[in-house]
Amino acid sequence: MPQETILTTIGAKLLSIPFRLARRPFIPPGKALILHPCCLSQVMLATPLLSVLSAAFPNTRFDWAVSEWARPAVAKNPQITELIPTGDLGLAFMSVNELLGVVDQLRQGDYDTCLIPGRSSLLSWVAWQARIPQRIGLASGGRGFAQTLVAPRRTGQQHAADIYLSLAEACGVDLPPGERPPMAFYPADDDRTAVTQRLIDDLDWLGDVPLVVMHPGGGAGSVYEDPRKRWPSERFVLLANHLVRQHKARVLLVGSAHDQELSAAIAGMTSQRCANWTGRITLGELGALAEMANLYVGNDTGPTHIAAAVGCPTLAIFGPSNPAISAPYSPAEDRVVTLWRGGEERPFTWQEGVTVSEVIKAADALLRRKP
């Protein structure tokens, strides 16, 4: 399917006119679908919305239409009854026939409500074609043209999770001032058992020294790959050396199969041996690992959001992206630290980005904080 362009946006604005005239008040849902397929970090940032809606409507069944790529983010979430597959990467990357197949599956689901957190004409069209009578979402630039109920518009720069939570406001759910529901991630018990055993077998780790998990990669192999998001590997080496020397930490490198070469290079340059599970750990196991770790250090990527969601002291290093929009969303600000030295006035380079000394200072503070 083609990506959205200026022409499709203009067309969506024109198509939205009859839908705006037909908008009606909110009806509490009986069976609701969250249509938010991609990507891993954005699905994680929508989990606070699910938590709020589940609490407000305890008798409602919630399903989630999600891509295979982002599926682990909500695979074990107890507030979801069923996950509806939307291809490997999401609806925008499907053929017409595949897309119509998803529409037909959603139509057979007999949903009375569809919640669309993202800004997308395509998702709005899919919910409309699936004949879901109540469609709640954003209407920025006409992209939510088929919505029957529009979320309150947020002005100024807003975090993605706050924008998603505006759908709860459209449903009549009032959040107390200052309340920030956290992201949620639920590792399986099998993942916890497997990780615990591997830590003993591979690292001989029994909790006697700090365990630091480092994810130096991220985004590789995806359609949204951006190498600039990765903090330079030599800086990870210097950080690992410091943590071993200063805190006697056990450092464990993780990542997907696409990150194996990067992690191997880092492990080969550290002064002390680092364990390396890159390419040999699932996202569920990563969540279980983060539950036990004393510190997680990673780039602007989905696994960093998972670490923050399970309560691990998390240090997120951002490059070209603005963390005010997409940083891990957590009410425990002392447990999640985001570092960024970017800006939009000139092209981003790591030469002017987050330094080793800044990361060391933040990592030391997180490791020394009391649980």
Protein backbone atom coordinates (compact mmCIF):
# COMPACT_ATOMS: atom_id res chain seq x y z
CA MET A 1 0.00 0.00 0.00
CA PRO A 2 1.30 3.52 -0.72
CA GLN A 3 2.38 5.77 2.10
CA GLU A 4 0.34 8.86 2.92
CA THR A 5 1.10 11.91 0.76
CA ILE A 6 -0.13 15.48 0.50
CA LEU A 7 -2.76 14.33 -2.01
CA THR A 8 -4.08 11.58 0.24
CA THR A 9 -4.21 14.02 3.15
CA ILE A 10 -6.21 16.52 1.11
CA GLY A 11 -8.51 13.73 -0.03
CA ALA A 12 -8.99 12.60 3.57
CA LYS A 13 -9.97 16.13 4.61
CA LEU A 14 -12.65 16.24 1.92
CA LEU A 15 -13.92 12.78 2.82
CA SER A 16 -14.15 13.76 6.49
CA ILE A 17 -16.94 16.29 5.87
CA PRO A 18 -19.90 13.86 5.91
CA PHE A 19 -18.43 11.98 8.87
CA ARG A 20 -18.08 15.22 10.85
CA LEU A 21 -21.73 16.01 10.20
CA ALA A 22 -22.76 12.55 11.41
CA ARG A 23 -20.74 12.44 14.65
CA ARG A 24 -22.64 11.33 17.71
CA PRO A 25 -22.13 11.00 21.49
CA PHE A 26 -19.98 8.26 23.01
CA ILE A 27 -21.60 4.90 23.79
CA PRO A 28 -19.84 2.66 26.36
CA PRO A 29 -18.36 -0.27 24.44
CA GLY A 30 -19.12 -3.94 24.87
CA LYS A 31 -16.47 -5.28 22.51
CA ALA A 32 -13.70 -2.88 21.52
CA LEU A 33 -10.71 -3.09 19.21
CA ILE A 34 -7.51 -1.09 19.59
CA LEU A 35 -6.22 -0.61 16.05
CA HIS A 36 -2.57 0.31 16.59
CA PRO A 37 -0.36 -2.13 14.66
CA CYS A 38 3.08 -0.54 14.64
CA CYS A 39 5.72 -0.21 15.88
CA LEU A 40 7.13 -1.74 19.07
CA SER A 41 7.83 1.50 20.93
CA GLN A 42 4.55 3.11 19.84
CA VAL A 43 2.55 0.05 20.89
CA MET A 44 4.28 0.20 24.27
CA LEU A 45 3.37 3.88 24.55
CA ALA A 46 -0.29 3.00 23.95
CA THR A 47 -0.47 0.54 26.86
CA PRO A 48 -1.33 3.32 29.37
CA LEU A 49 -4.45 3.99 27.29
CA LEU A 50 -5.44 0.32 27.55
CA SER A 51 -4.95 0.39 31.33
CA VAL A 52 -7.14 3.47 31.73
CA LEU A 53 -9.91 2.14 29.51
CA SER A 54 -9.89 -1.31 31.15
CA ALA A 55 -10.31 0.30 34.57
CA ALA A 56 -13.06 2.62 33.35
CA PHE A 57 -14.98 -0.10 31.49
CA PRO A 58 -14.33 -3.35 33.40
CA ASN A 59 -17.01 -5.30 31.52
CA THR A 60 -15.69 -4.41 28.08
CA ARG A 61 -13.72 -6.91 26.02
CA PHE A 62 -10.59 -5.37 24.48
CA ASP A 63 -8.78 -6.87 21.48
CA TRP A 64 -5.71 -5.40 19.77
CA ALA A 65 -4.82 -5.43 16.06
CA VAL A 66 -1.01 -5.53 15.97
CA SER A 67 1.86 -6.38 13.63
CA GLU A 68 4.08 -9.38 14.18
CA TRP A 69 6.98 -7.01 14.83
CA ALA A 70 5.19 -5.29 17.73
CA ARG A 71 3.19 -8.27 18.96
CA PRO A 72 5.52 -9.11 21.91
CA ALA A 73 4.71 -5.73 23.48
CA VAL A 74 1.17 -6.84 24.31
CA ALA A 75 1.29 -10.62 23.83
CA LYS A 76 0.86 -11.44 27.54
CA ASN A 77 -1.18 -8.40 28.59
CA PRO A 78 -4.06 -9.75 30.70
CA GLN A 79 -6.32 -6.86 29.70
CA ILE A 80 -6.39 -8.11 26.09
CA THR A 81 -8.59 -11.02 25.05
CA GLU A 82 -7.31 -11.57 21.49
CA LEU A 83 -4.55 -10.24 19.24
CA ILE A 84 -5.52 -9.70 15.60
CA PRO A 85 -2.54 -10.11 13.22
CA THR A 86 -1.82 -7.27 10.77
CA GLY A 87 1.19 -8.65 8.92
CA ASP A 88 4.88 -8.46 9.70
CA LEU A 89 5.20 -4.67 9.84
CA GLY A 90 1.66 -3.32 9.82
CA LEU A 91 -1.18 -2.48 7.45
CA ALA A 92 0.72 0.15 5.47
CA PHE A 93 3.07 -2.52 4.14
CA MET A 94 0.40 -5.01 3.07
CA SER A 95 -0.80 -5.71 -0.44
CA VAL A 96 -4.37 -4.73 -1.31
CA ASN A 97 -5.55 -8.33 -1.00
CA GLU A 98 -3.87 -8.75 2.38
CA LEU A 99 -5.42 -5.51 3.60
CA LEU A 100 -8.89 -6.54 2.50
CA GLY A 101 -8.36 -9.82 4.33
CA VAL A 102 -7.72 -7.92 7.57
CA VAL A 103 -10.82 -5.79 6.95
CA ASP A 104 -12.90 -8.93 6.52
CA GLN A 105 -11.49 -10.47 9.71
CA LEU A 106 -12.29 -7.32 11.69
CA ARG A 107 -15.79 -7.24 10.22
CA GLN A 108 -16.38 -10.78 11.44
CA GLY A 109 -15.19 -9.73 14.93
CA ASP A 110 -18.47 -7.85 15.43
CA TYR A 111 -16.82 -4.95 17.29
CA ASP A 112 -18.98 -2.06 18.39
CA THR A 113 -16.03 0.28 19.01
CA CYS A 114 -12.62 0.85 17.43
CA LEU A 115 -9.96 2.99 19.10
CA ILE A 116 -7.30 4.37 16.76
CA PRO A 117 -4.47 6.04 18.75
CA GLY A 118 -2.29 6.91 15.76
CA ARG A 119 -2.76 9.52 13.05
CA SER A 120 -3.55 7.52 9.93
CA SER A 121 -6.08 7.82 7.12
CA LEU A 122 -5.50 4.15 6.33
CA LEU A 123 -6.41 2.95 9.83
CA SER A 124 -9.49 5.16 9.82
CA TRP A 125 -10.50 3.68 6.47
CA VAL A 126 -9.95 0.11 7.70
CA ALA A 127 -12.18 0.64 10.76
CA TRP A 128 -14.88 2.18 8.55
CA GLN A 129 -14.71 -0.62 5.99
CA ALA A 130 -14.85 -3.18 8.81
CA ARG A 131 -18.24 -1.63 9.68
CA ILE A 132 -17.31 -0.88 13.26
CA PRO A 133 -20.03 1.64 14.18
CA GLN A 134 -18.13 3.67 16.80
CA ARG A 135 -14.70 4.80 15.67
CA ILE A 136 -12.70 6.93 18.12
CA GLY A 137 -9.40 8.59 17.29
CA LEU A 138 -7.49 11.67 16.25
CA ALA A 139 -8.40 13.92 13.36
CA SER A 140 -5.14 15.73 12.72
CA GLY A 141 -4.91 17.01 9.16
CA GLY A 142 -8.00 15.06 8.17
CA ARG A 143 -6.18 11.76 8.61
CA GLY A 144 -8.85 10.41 10.95
CA PHE A 145 -11.48 11.23 8.36
CA ALA A 146 -13.91 8.37 9.20
CA GLN A 147 -13.92 8.85 12.98
CA THR A 148 -17.36 9.07 14.57
CA LEU A 149 -15.85 10.57 17.72
CA VAL A 150 -12.73 12.74 17.79
CA ALA A 151 -10.32 12.98 20.72
CA PRO A 152 -9.68 16.44 22.18
CA ARG A 153 -6.99 18.23 20.25
CA ARG A 154 -3.73 18.79 22.12
CA THR A 155 -1.84 21.99 21.34
CA GLY A 156 1.92 22.38 21.37
CA GLN A 157 4.48 19.61 21.55
CA GLN A 158 2.98 16.52 23.16
CA HIS A 159 4.33 13.15 24.18
CA ALA A 160 2.87 10.30 22.13
CA ALA A 161 1.45 8.57 25.23
CA ASP A 162 -0.36 11.77 26.25
CA ILE A 163 -1.83 12.05 22.76
CA TYR A 164 -2.99 8.44 22.95
CA LEU A 165 -4.54 9.08 26.37
CA SER A 166 -6.67 11.80 24.82
CA LEU A 167 -8.82 8.96 23.44
CA ALA A 168 -9.78 8.16 27.03
CA GLU A 169 -10.99 11.75 27.40
CA ALA A 170 -13.12 11.27 24.29
CA CYS A 171 -14.68 8.30 26.08
CA GLY A 172 -15.59 10.50 29.05
CA VAL A 173 -12.79 9.21 31.28
CA ASP A 174 -11.34 12.00 33.41
CA LEU A 175 -7.78 11.46 34.54
CA PRO A 176 -6.85 13.21 37.80
CA PRO A 177 -4.44 16.12 37.23
CA GLY A 178 -0.85 14.91 37.16
CA GLU A 179 -1.75 11.22 36.95
CA ARG A 180 0.53 9.36 34.55
CA PRO A 181 -0.42 5.72 34.07
CA PRO A 182 2.75 3.75 33.33
CA MET A 183 3.47 1.57 30.34
CA ALA A 184 2.82 -2.11 30.94
CA PHE A 185 4.72 -5.23 29.90
CA TYR A 186 4.10 -8.76 31.19
CA PRO A 187 6.86 -11.38 30.78
CA ALA A 188 5.70 -14.98 30.85
CA ASP A 189 6.65 -17.15 33.82
CA ASP A 190 8.54 -19.45 31.43
CA ASP A 191 10.64 -16.46 30.35
CA ARG A 192 11.46 -15.62 33.96
CA THR A 193 12.47 -19.21 34.69
CA ALA A 194 14.63 -19.48 31.56
CA VAL A 195 16.40 -16.17 32.18
CA THR A 196 17.08 -16.95 35.83
CA GLN A 197 18.71 -20.26 34.90
CA ARG A 198 20.77 -18.68 32.11
CA LEU A 199 22.08 -15.98 34.44
CA ILE A 200 23.36 -18.70 36.75
CA ASP A 201 24.75 -20.93 34.00
CA ASP A 202 26.25 -18.29 31.68
CA LEU A 203 27.20 -15.49 34.05
CA ASP A 204 27.44 -17.24 37.41
CA TRP A 205 25.33 -14.32 38.63
CA LEU A 206 23.55 -14.76 41.96
CA GLY A 207 22.66 -11.15 42.65
CA ASP A 208 25.85 -10.46 44.58
CA VAL A 209 27.05 -7.75 42.15
CA PRO A 210 25.08 -5.28 40.01
CA LEU A 211 23.74 -6.65 36.75
CA VAL A 212 23.85 -4.12 33.89
CA VAL A 213 22.04 -4.89 30.64
CA MET A 214 23.22 -2.98 27.56
CA HIS A 215 21.36 -2.83 24.25
CA PRO A 216 23.75 -1.04 21.85
CA GLY A 217 21.70 -1.62 18.69
CA GLY A 218 18.10 -1.14 17.72
CA GLY A 219 16.15 -0.56 14.56
CA ALA A 220 18.36 -2.72 12.36
CA GLY A 221 16.47 -4.72 9.75
CA SER A 222 13.28 -2.70 10.07
CA VAL A 223 11.69 -0.27 7.64
CA TYR A 224 12.38 2.47 10.15
CA GLU A 225 16.07 1.69 10.48
CA ASP A 226 18.14 4.73 11.34
CA PRO A 227 21.79 4.07 12.29
CA ARG A 228 21.99 7.55 13.80
CA LYS A 229 19.85 6.32 16.70
CA ARG A 230 22.71 4.14 17.93
CA TRP A 231 25.09 5.66 20.44
CA PRO A 232 28.62 4.99 19.08
CA SER A 233 29.93 1.54 19.97
CA GLU A 234 33.22 2.85 21.36
CA ARG A 235 31.26 4.84 23.92
CA PHE A 236 29.46 1.69 25.06
CA VAL A 237 32.92 0.14 25.53
CA LEU A 238 34.07 3.01 27.74
CA LEU A 239 30.84 2.86 29.74
CA ALA A 240 31.14 -0.91 30.27
CA ASN A 241 34.75 -0.57 31.42
CA HIS A 242 33.76 2.11 33.93
CA LEU A 243 30.84 0.12 35.36
CA VAL A 244 32.96 -2.97 35.85
CA ARG A 245 35.78 -0.99 37.44
CA GLN A 246 33.67 1.34 39.60
CA HIS A 247 30.74 -0.92 40.56
CA LYS A 248 32.13 -4.42 39.92
CA ALA A 249 29.11 -4.81 37.65
CA ARG A 250 28.38 -7.82 35.48
CA VAL A 251 27.68 -6.45 31.99
CA LEU A 252 25.37 -8.33 29.63
CA LEU A 253 24.90 -7.30 25.98
CA VAL A 254 21.52 -7.96 24.36
CA GLY A 255 19.81 -7.25 21.05
CA SER A 256 18.30 -8.87 17.99
CA ALA A 257 20.08 -11.00 15.41
CA HIS A 258 20.70 -7.84 13.38
CA ASP A 259 22.78 -6.46 16.26
CA GLN A 260 25.12 -9.45 16.63
CA GLU A 261 28.08 -7.97 14.77
CA LEU A 262 27.82 -4.73 16.73
CA SER A 263 27.66 -6.47 20.11
CA ALA A 264 30.51 -8.82 19.22
CA ALA A 265 32.70 -5.82 18.38
CA ILE A 266 31.88 -4.16 21.71
CA ALA A 267 32.51 -7.35 23.67
CA GLY A 268 35.86 -7.72 21.94
CA MET A 269 36.99 -4.22 22.94
CA THR A 270 36.06 -4.15 26.65
CA SER A 271 38.84 -4.54 29.19
CA GLN A 272 36.80 -7.10 31.13
CA ARG A 273 34.74 -9.90 29.61
CA CYS A 274 31.12 -9.02 28.83
CA ALA A 275 28.47 -11.68 28.45
CA ASN A 276 26.72 -11.52 25.09
CA TRP A 277 23.17 -12.77 24.51
CA THR A 278 22.59 -10.72 21.37
CA GLY A 279 20.47 -12.67 18.91
CA ARG A 280 19.76 -15.30 21.57
CA ILE A 281 17.06 -13.61 23.63
CA THR A 282 13.38 -12.93 22.93
CA LEU A 283 11.61 -9.72 23.90
CA GLY A 284 9.70 -11.63 26.55
CA GLU A 285 12.97 -12.86 28.02
CA LEU A 286 14.36 -9.33 27.80
CA GLY A 287 11.46 -8.11 29.92
CA ALA A 288 12.11 -10.85 32.47
CA LEU A 289 15.82 -9.99 32.46
CA ALA A 290 15.08 -6.30 33.03
CA GLU A 291 12.94 -7.21 36.05
CA MET A 292 16.09 -8.56 37.71
CA ALA A 293 18.71 -6.15 36.38
CA ASN A 294 20.08 -3.22 38.36
CA LEU A 295 20.42 -1.06 35.27
CA TYR A 296 19.44 -1.08 31.60
CA VAL A 297 21.22 1.16 29.08
CA GLY A 298 19.86 1.42 25.57
CA ASN A 299 19.13 3.62 22.60
CA ASP A 300 15.88 5.09 21.29
CA THR A 301 14.30 1.76 20.49
CA GLY A 302 11.44 -0.52 21.56
CA PRO A 303 13.35 -2.74 24.01
CA THR A 304 14.27 0.34 26.05
CA HIS A 305 10.56 0.98 26.57
CA ILE A 306 10.11 -2.62 27.71
CA ALA A 307 12.88 -2.26 30.30
CA ALA A 308 11.30 0.91 31.66
CA ALA A 309 7.84 -0.69 31.70
CA VAL A 310 8.91 -3.52 34.03
CA GLY A 311 10.46 -1.07 36.50
CA CYS A 312 14.14 -1.54 35.71
CA PRO A 313 16.29 1.57 36.35
CA THR A 314 16.61 2.64 32.73
CA LEU A 315 19.00 4.98 30.95
CA ALA A 316 17.71 5.89 27.48
CA ILE A 317 20.15 7.58 25.08
CA PHE A 318 18.49 9.58 22.31
CA GLY A 319 20.09 10.79 19.11
CA PRO A 320 18.14 12.55 16.34
CA SER A 321 14.68 11.91 17.82
CA ASN A 322 13.13 14.22 20.40
CA PRO A 323 12.48 12.33 23.67
CA ALA A 324 9.78 14.86 24.59
CA ILE A 325 7.68 13.02 22.01
CA SER A 326 8.70 9.38 22.33
CA ALA A 327 10.81 8.74 25.45
CA PRO A 328 9.89 5.79 27.69
CA TYR A 329 6.74 6.81 29.56
CA SER A 330 7.04 6.31 33.30
CA PRO A 331 5.73 8.09 36.40
CA ALA A 332 8.90 7.04 38.28
CA GLU A 333 11.16 9.78 36.99
CA ASP A 334 13.97 8.73 39.33
CA ARG A 335 14.03 5.28 37.69
CA VAL A 336 13.97 6.34 34.03
CA VAL A 337 16.56 8.87 32.82
CA THR A 338 16.61 10.12 29.24
CA LEU A 339 19.69 11.85 27.83
CA TRP A 340 19.53 13.98 24.69
CA ARG A 341 21.55 16.80 23.22
CA GLY A 342 19.76 17.06 19.92
CA GLY A 343 18.00 19.91 18.23
CA GLU A 344 16.35 20.82 14.97
CA GLU A 345 18.52 23.80 14.09
CA ARG A 346 21.19 21.67 12.38
CA PRO A 347 21.69 18.07 11.16
CA PHE A 348 22.32 15.65 14.02
CA THR A 349 25.71 14.05 14.59
CA TRP A 350 26.97 12.10 17.60
CA GLN A 351 29.98 14.40 17.70
CA GLU A 352 27.66 16.88 19.40
CA GLY A 353 25.40 14.26 20.95
CA VAL A 354 25.32 12.64 24.38
CA THR A 355 28.84 12.18 25.78
CA VAL A 356 30.40 9.31 27.70
CA SER A 357 30.80 11.46 30.81
CA GLU A 358 27.09 12.34 30.79
CA VAL A 359 26.09 8.69 30.53
CA ILE A 360 28.55 7.61 33.24
CA LYS A 361 27.20 10.25 35.62
CA ALA A 362 23.59 9.16 35.03
CA ALA A 363 24.44 5.43 35.25
CA ASP A 364 26.32 5.96 38.53
CA ALA A 365 23.34 7.79 40.01
CA LEU A 366 20.90 5.06 38.97
CA LEU A 367 23.10 2.29 40.36
CA ARG A 368 23.55 4.12 43.67
CA ARG A 369 19.89 4.92 44.23
CA LYS A 370 18.08 2.92 46.88
CA PRO A 371 15.51 0.41 45.59
